[in-house]
Amino acid sequence: MNTPISRLRLVGTLEGISYLLLLGIAMPLKYMFDMPAMVKYTGWAHGLLFVLYILALLHVTLAHNWGFKKLAAGFVASLLPFGPFIFDKKILDQEEPKTQERQKQVA
């Protein structure tokens, strides 16, 4: 986890899971069973992870000279259920080998 992309992947996974927990478990508990506490705590955690995801996305964008298209795709992915997982597979899987190659060239 020493590269910007590996950090983005980790935070993206955690953010995606927190979003699914919020939508799939906490919200139904709140509205169907009148248990709002889960939304409070899950929502707080998801909000924090969302901010960390955006910061990690900006860091990768600057570190790897990504264009607006990839930045926008990463941002939109954070707003959609399963979005960070799809973004990881489609974009980050392609970028990881490039990062490893750059690290070999520097060393």
N, C-alpha and C. Protein backbone atom coordinates (compact mmCIF):
# COMPACT_ATOMS: atom_id res chain seq x y z
N MET A 1 0.83 -1.19 0.00
CA MET A 1 0.00 0.00 0.00
C MET A 1 0.88 1.26 0.00
N ASN A 2 1.94 1.21 -0.75
CA ASN A 2 2.86 2.34 -0.76
C ASN A 2 2.75 3.20 -2.01
N THR A 3 1.76 2.95 -2.85
CA THR A 3 1.57 3.78 -4.03
C THR A 3 0.22 4.49 -3.94
N PRO A 4 0.09 5.62 -4.61
CA PRO A 4 -1.20 6.32 -4.61
C PRO A 4 -2.34 5.44 -5.14
N ILE A 5 -2.05 4.63 -6.14
CA ILE A 5 -3.11 3.78 -6.71
C ILE A 5 -3.52 2.70 -5.72
N SER A 6 -2.57 2.09 -5.04
CA SER A 6 -2.94 1.05 -4.07
C SER A 6 -3.75 1.65 -2.92
N ARG A 7 -3.43 2.88 -2.52
CA ARG A 7 -4.23 3.54 -1.48
C ARG A 7 -5.63 3.85 -2.00
N LEU A 8 -5.73 4.30 -3.24
CA LEU A 8 -7.05 4.57 -3.83
C LEU A 8 -7.87 3.29 -3.90
N ARG A 9 -7.24 2.20 -4.27
CA ARG A 9 -7.95 0.92 -4.34
C ARG A 9 -8.49 0.51 -2.98
N LEU A 10 -7.69 0.65 -1.94
CA LEU A 10 -8.11 0.28 -0.59
C LEU A 10 -9.26 1.17 -0.11
N VAL A 11 -9.08 2.47 -0.23
CA VAL A 11 -10.12 3.39 0.22
C VAL A 11 -11.38 3.22 -0.62
N GLY A 12 -11.22 2.98 -1.92
CA GLY A 12 -12.37 2.76 -2.79
C GLY A 12 -13.17 1.52 -2.39
N THR A 13 -12.46 0.47 -2.03
CA THR A 13 -13.13 -0.75 -1.58
C THR A 13 -13.89 -0.50 -0.28
N LEU A 14 -13.25 0.16 0.66
CA LEU A 14 -13.92 0.45 1.93
C LEU A 14 -15.11 1.40 1.74
N GLU A 15 -14.93 2.41 0.89
CA GLU A 15 -16.02 3.35 0.61
C GLU A 15 -17.19 2.64 -0.06
N GLY A 16 -16.89 1.78 -1.01
CA GLY A 16 -17.94 1.04 -1.70
C GLY A 16 -18.72 0.13 -0.76
N ILE A 17 -18.00 -0.54 0.13
CA ILE A 17 -18.66 -1.42 1.11
C ILE A 17 -19.53 -0.59 2.05
N SER A 18 -19.01 0.54 2.51
CA SER A 18 -19.80 1.36 3.43
C SER A 18 -21.06 1.89 2.76
N TYR A 19 -20.97 2.21 1.48
CA TYR A 19 -22.14 2.70 0.74
C TYR A 19 -23.19 1.59 0.61
N LEU A 20 -22.74 0.39 0.30
CA LEU A 20 -23.68 -0.73 0.19
C LEU A 20 -24.31 -1.06 1.54
N LEU A 21 -23.53 -0.98 2.62
CA LEU A 21 -24.10 -1.20 3.95
C LEU A 21 -25.14 -0.13 4.28
N LEU A 22 -24.83 1.10 3.92
CA LEU A 22 -25.75 2.20 4.18
C LEU A 22 -27.06 2.01 3.42
N LEU A 23 -26.95 1.70 2.14
CA LEU A 23 -28.16 1.54 1.32
C LEU A 23 -28.89 0.23 1.56
N GLY A 24 -28.13 -0.84 1.78
CA GLY A 24 -28.75 -2.17 1.85
C GLY A 24 -29.17 -2.63 3.23
N ILE A 25 -28.55 -2.07 4.26
CA ILE A 25 -28.88 -2.52 5.61
C ILE A 25 -29.39 -1.36 6.48
N ALA A 26 -28.60 -0.29 6.57
CA ALA A 26 -28.95 0.79 7.49
C ALA A 26 -30.25 1.50 7.10
N MET A 27 -30.39 1.83 5.82
CA MET A 27 -31.62 2.54 5.40
C MET A 27 -32.87 1.68 5.59
N PRO A 28 -32.87 0.41 5.18
CA PRO A 28 -34.06 -0.41 5.46
C PRO A 28 -34.36 -0.53 6.96
N LEU A 29 -33.32 -0.64 7.80
CA LEU A 29 -33.55 -0.70 9.24
C LEU A 29 -34.21 0.58 9.74
N LYS A 30 -33.78 1.70 9.20
CA LYS A 30 -34.35 2.98 9.62
C LYS A 30 -35.81 3.11 9.22
N TYR A 31 -36.10 2.82 7.97
CA TYR A 31 -37.44 3.10 7.46
C TYR A 31 -38.43 1.96 7.64
N MET A 32 -37.96 0.75 7.73
CA MET A 32 -38.88 -0.38 7.88
C MET A 32 -39.04 -0.81 9.33
N PHE A 33 -38.00 -0.60 10.14
CA PHE A 33 -38.04 -1.07 11.52
C PHE A 33 -37.81 0.04 12.55
N ASP A 34 -37.83 1.28 12.09
CA ASP A 34 -37.69 2.44 12.96
C ASP A 34 -36.44 2.36 13.84
N MET A 35 -35.29 2.06 13.18
CA MET A 35 -34.01 1.96 13.89
C MET A 35 -33.02 2.93 13.23
N PRO A 36 -33.12 4.22 13.55
CA PRO A 36 -32.29 5.21 12.86
C PRO A 36 -30.81 5.23 13.27
N ALA A 37 -30.45 4.57 14.34
CA ALA A 37 -29.06 4.63 14.82
C ALA A 37 -28.07 4.07 13.79
N MET A 38 -28.46 3.04 13.07
CA MET A 38 -27.55 2.44 12.08
C MET A 38 -27.20 3.44 10.99
N VAL A 39 -28.18 4.24 10.57
CA VAL A 39 -27.92 5.24 9.53
C VAL A 39 -26.94 6.29 10.06
N LYS A 40 -27.11 6.65 11.31
CA LYS A 40 -26.23 7.66 11.90
C LYS A 40 -24.77 7.20 11.85
N TYR A 41 -24.50 6.01 12.31
CA TYR A 41 -23.12 5.54 12.39
C TYR A 41 -22.57 5.09 11.04
N THR A 42 -23.37 4.39 10.29
CA THR A 42 -22.93 3.96 8.96
C THR A 42 -22.76 5.17 8.04
N GLY A 43 -23.68 6.11 8.15
CA GLY A 43 -23.59 7.32 7.34
C GLY A 43 -22.36 8.14 7.67
N TRP A 44 -22.04 8.23 8.96
CA TRP A 44 -20.85 8.96 9.38
C TRP A 44 -19.60 8.29 8.81
N ALA A 45 -19.52 6.99 8.94
CA ALA A 45 -18.35 6.26 8.43
C ALA A 45 -18.25 6.40 6.91
N HIS A 46 -19.39 6.28 6.24
CA HIS A 46 -19.38 6.41 4.78
C HIS A 46 -18.96 7.82 4.36
N GLY A 47 -19.43 8.83 5.07
CA GLY A 47 -19.05 10.20 4.75
C GLY A 47 -17.55 10.41 4.87
N LEU A 48 -16.97 9.90 5.93
CA LEU A 48 -15.52 10.00 6.13
C LEU A 48 -14.77 9.27 5.01
N LEU A 49 -15.22 8.06 4.69
CA LEU A 49 -14.56 7.29 3.63
C LEU A 49 -14.74 7.94 2.26
N PHE A 50 -15.87 8.58 2.04
CA PHE A 50 -16.11 9.30 0.78
C PHE A 50 -15.09 10.43 0.62
N VAL A 51 -14.89 11.20 1.69
CA VAL A 51 -13.91 12.30 1.64
C VAL A 51 -12.51 11.75 1.41
N LEU A 52 -12.15 10.68 2.08
CA LEU A 52 -10.84 10.06 1.88
C LEU A 52 -10.68 9.55 0.45
N TYR A 53 -11.76 8.99 -0.11
CA TYR A 53 -11.73 8.50 -1.49
C TYR A 53 -11.47 9.65 -2.47
N ILE A 54 -12.17 10.76 -2.27
CA ILE A 54 -11.98 11.90 -3.17
C ILE A 54 -10.56 12.44 -3.05
N LEU A 55 -10.04 12.52 -1.84
CA LEU A 55 -8.65 12.97 -1.66
C LEU A 55 -7.66 12.01 -2.32
N ALA A 56 -7.89 10.71 -2.16
CA ALA A 56 -7.01 9.71 -2.79
C ALA A 56 -7.12 9.80 -4.31
N LEU A 57 -8.31 10.03 -4.82
CA LEU A 57 -8.52 10.18 -6.26
C LEU A 57 -7.77 11.39 -6.79
N LEU A 58 -7.84 12.50 -6.07
CA LEU A 58 -7.10 13.70 -6.48
C LEU A 58 -5.60 13.46 -6.43
N HIS A 59 -5.13 12.73 -5.41
CA HIS A 59 -3.71 12.43 -5.31
C HIS A 59 -3.24 11.59 -6.50
N VAL A 60 -4.01 10.57 -6.86
CA VAL A 60 -3.65 9.74 -8.02
C VAL A 60 -3.68 10.57 -9.29
N THR A 61 -4.68 11.42 -9.43
CA THR A 61 -4.79 12.27 -10.62
C THR A 61 -3.55 13.14 -10.78
N LEU A 62 -3.11 13.74 -9.69
CA LEU A 62 -1.91 14.60 -9.76
C LEU A 62 -0.64 13.78 -9.93
N ALA A 63 -0.53 12.68 -9.23
CA ALA A 63 0.69 11.87 -9.28
C ALA A 63 0.89 11.18 -10.63
N HIS A 64 -0.20 10.85 -11.29
CA HIS A 64 -0.09 10.10 -12.55
C HIS A 64 -0.55 10.89 -13.76
N ASN A 65 -0.74 12.17 -13.58
CA ASN A 65 -1.15 13.06 -14.68
C ASN A 65 -2.38 12.55 -15.42
N TRP A 66 -3.37 12.11 -14.65
CA TRP A 66 -4.62 11.66 -15.27
C TRP A 66 -5.34 12.85 -15.87
N GLY A 67 -6.08 12.58 -16.92
CA GLY A 67 -6.90 13.60 -17.53
C GLY A 67 -8.23 13.75 -16.79
N PHE A 68 -9.01 14.72 -17.24
CA PHE A 68 -10.29 14.99 -16.61
C PHE A 68 -11.24 13.80 -16.72
N LYS A 69 -11.13 13.05 -17.80
CA LYS A 69 -12.03 11.92 -18.02
C LYS A 69 -11.91 10.86 -16.93
N LYS A 70 -10.69 10.49 -16.58
CA LYS A 70 -10.48 9.49 -15.53
C LYS A 70 -10.88 10.04 -14.16
N LEU A 71 -10.56 11.30 -13.92
CA LEU A 71 -10.95 11.92 -12.66
C LEU A 71 -12.46 11.93 -12.52
N ALA A 72 -13.15 12.34 -13.58
CA ALA A 72 -14.61 12.37 -13.56
C ALA A 72 -15.20 10.97 -13.40
N ALA A 73 -14.60 9.99 -14.06
CA ALA A 73 -15.09 8.61 -13.94
C ALA A 73 -14.95 8.12 -12.50
N GLY A 74 -13.84 8.44 -11.86
CA GLY A 74 -13.65 8.07 -10.46
C GLY A 74 -14.64 8.75 -9.54
N PHE A 75 -14.93 10.01 -9.81
CA PHE A 75 -15.89 10.74 -8.99
C PHE A 75 -17.29 10.18 -9.16
N VAL A 76 -17.71 9.97 -10.40
CA VAL A 76 -19.05 9.41 -10.66
C VAL A 76 -19.16 8.02 -10.04
N ALA A 77 -18.10 7.26 -10.12
CA ALA A 77 -18.11 5.91 -9.54
C ALA A 77 -18.39 5.96 -8.05
N SER A 78 -17.90 6.98 -7.39
CA SER A 78 -18.11 7.08 -5.93
C SER A 78 -19.56 7.37 -5.58
N LEU A 79 -20.33 7.83 -6.53
CA LEU A 79 -21.74 8.17 -6.28
C LEU A 79 -22.69 7.01 -6.55
N LEU A 80 -22.21 5.97 -7.19
CA LEU A 80 -23.06 4.86 -7.60
C LEU A 80 -22.79 3.61 -6.77
N PRO A 81 -23.85 2.88 -6.42
CA PRO A 81 -23.61 1.59 -5.75
C PRO A 81 -22.78 0.69 -6.69
N PHE A 82 -21.81 0.04 -6.17
CA PHE A 82 -20.87 -0.82 -6.90
C PHE A 82 -19.93 -0.03 -7.80
N GLY A 83 -20.06 1.28 -7.84
CA GLY A 83 -19.23 2.11 -8.71
C GLY A 83 -17.74 2.00 -8.44
N PRO A 84 -17.31 2.09 -7.17
CA PRO A 84 -15.87 1.99 -6.91
C PRO A 84 -15.28 0.64 -7.33
N PHE A 85 -16.08 -0.42 -7.24
CA PHE A 85 -15.59 -1.75 -7.64
C PHE A 85 -15.42 -1.83 -9.15
N ILE A 86 -16.35 -1.25 -9.87
CA ILE A 86 -16.26 -1.24 -11.34
C ILE A 86 -15.10 -0.36 -11.79
N PHE A 87 -14.96 0.81 -11.16
CA PHE A 87 -13.85 1.71 -11.47
C PHE A 87 -12.51 1.01 -11.21
N ASP A 88 -12.44 0.29 -10.13
CA ASP A 88 -11.22 -0.45 -9.80
C ASP A 88 -10.89 -1.45 -10.90
N LYS A 89 -11.87 -2.22 -11.32
CA LYS A 89 -11.63 -3.25 -12.34
C LYS A 89 -11.29 -2.65 -13.70
N LYS A 90 -12.02 -1.62 -14.10
CA LYS A 90 -11.84 -1.08 -15.46
C LYS A 90 -10.64 -0.16 -15.58
N ILE A 91 -10.39 0.67 -14.59
CA ILE A 91 -9.35 1.68 -14.69
C ILE A 91 -8.10 1.31 -13.88
N LEU A 92 -8.29 1.01 -12.63
CA LEU A 92 -7.13 0.81 -11.76
C LEU A 92 -6.37 -0.47 -12.08
N ASP A 93 -7.07 -1.50 -12.55
CA ASP A 93 -6.37 -2.72 -12.98
C ASP A 93 -5.39 -2.42 -14.12
N GLN A 94 -5.75 -1.46 -14.98
CA GLN A 94 -4.87 -1.08 -16.09
C GLN A 94 -3.72 -0.21 -15.61
N GLU A 95 -3.96 0.59 -14.60
CA GLU A 95 -2.96 1.54 -14.13
C GLU A 95 -1.90 0.92 -13.22
N GLU A 96 -2.26 -0.10 -12.47
CA GLU A 96 -1.33 -0.71 -11.51
C GLU A 96 -0.04 -1.20 -12.17
N PRO A 97 -0.12 -1.94 -13.30
CA PRO A 97 1.14 -2.37 -13.94
C PRO A 97 2.00 -1.19 -14.40
N LYS A 98 1.37 -0.11 -14.84
CA LYS A 98 2.14 1.08 -15.25
C LYS A 98 2.89 1.66 -14.07
N THR A 99 2.25 1.67 -12.92
CA THR A 99 2.87 2.19 -11.71
C THR A 99 4.06 1.33 -11.31
N GLN A 100 3.88 0.02 -11.36
CA GLN A 100 4.96 -0.89 -11.00
C GLN A 100 6.14 -0.73 -11.96
N GLU A 101 5.85 -0.52 -13.23
CA GLU A 101 6.91 -0.33 -14.22
C GLU A 101 7.67 0.96 -13.94
N ARG A 102 6.95 2.03 -13.59
CA ARG A 102 7.61 3.30 -13.25
C ARG A 102 8.52 3.14 -12.03
N GLN A 103 8.05 2.38 -11.05
CA GLN A 103 8.86 2.18 -9.84
C GLN A 103 10.14 1.41 -10.16
N LYS A 104 10.06 0.45 -11.07
CA LYS A 104 11.25 -0.31 -11.46
C LYS A 104 12.25 0.59 -12.17
N GLN A 105 11.76 1.51 -13.00
CA GLN A 105 12.63 2.39 -13.73
C GLN A 105 13.35 3.38 -12.81
N VAL A 106 12.66 3.80 -11.75
CA VAL A 106 13.26 4.74 -10.79
C VAL A 106 14.31 4.05 -9.95
N ALA A 107 14.08 2.80 -9.59
CA ALA A 107 14.99 2.07 -8.70
C ALA A 107 16.27 1.64 -9.37
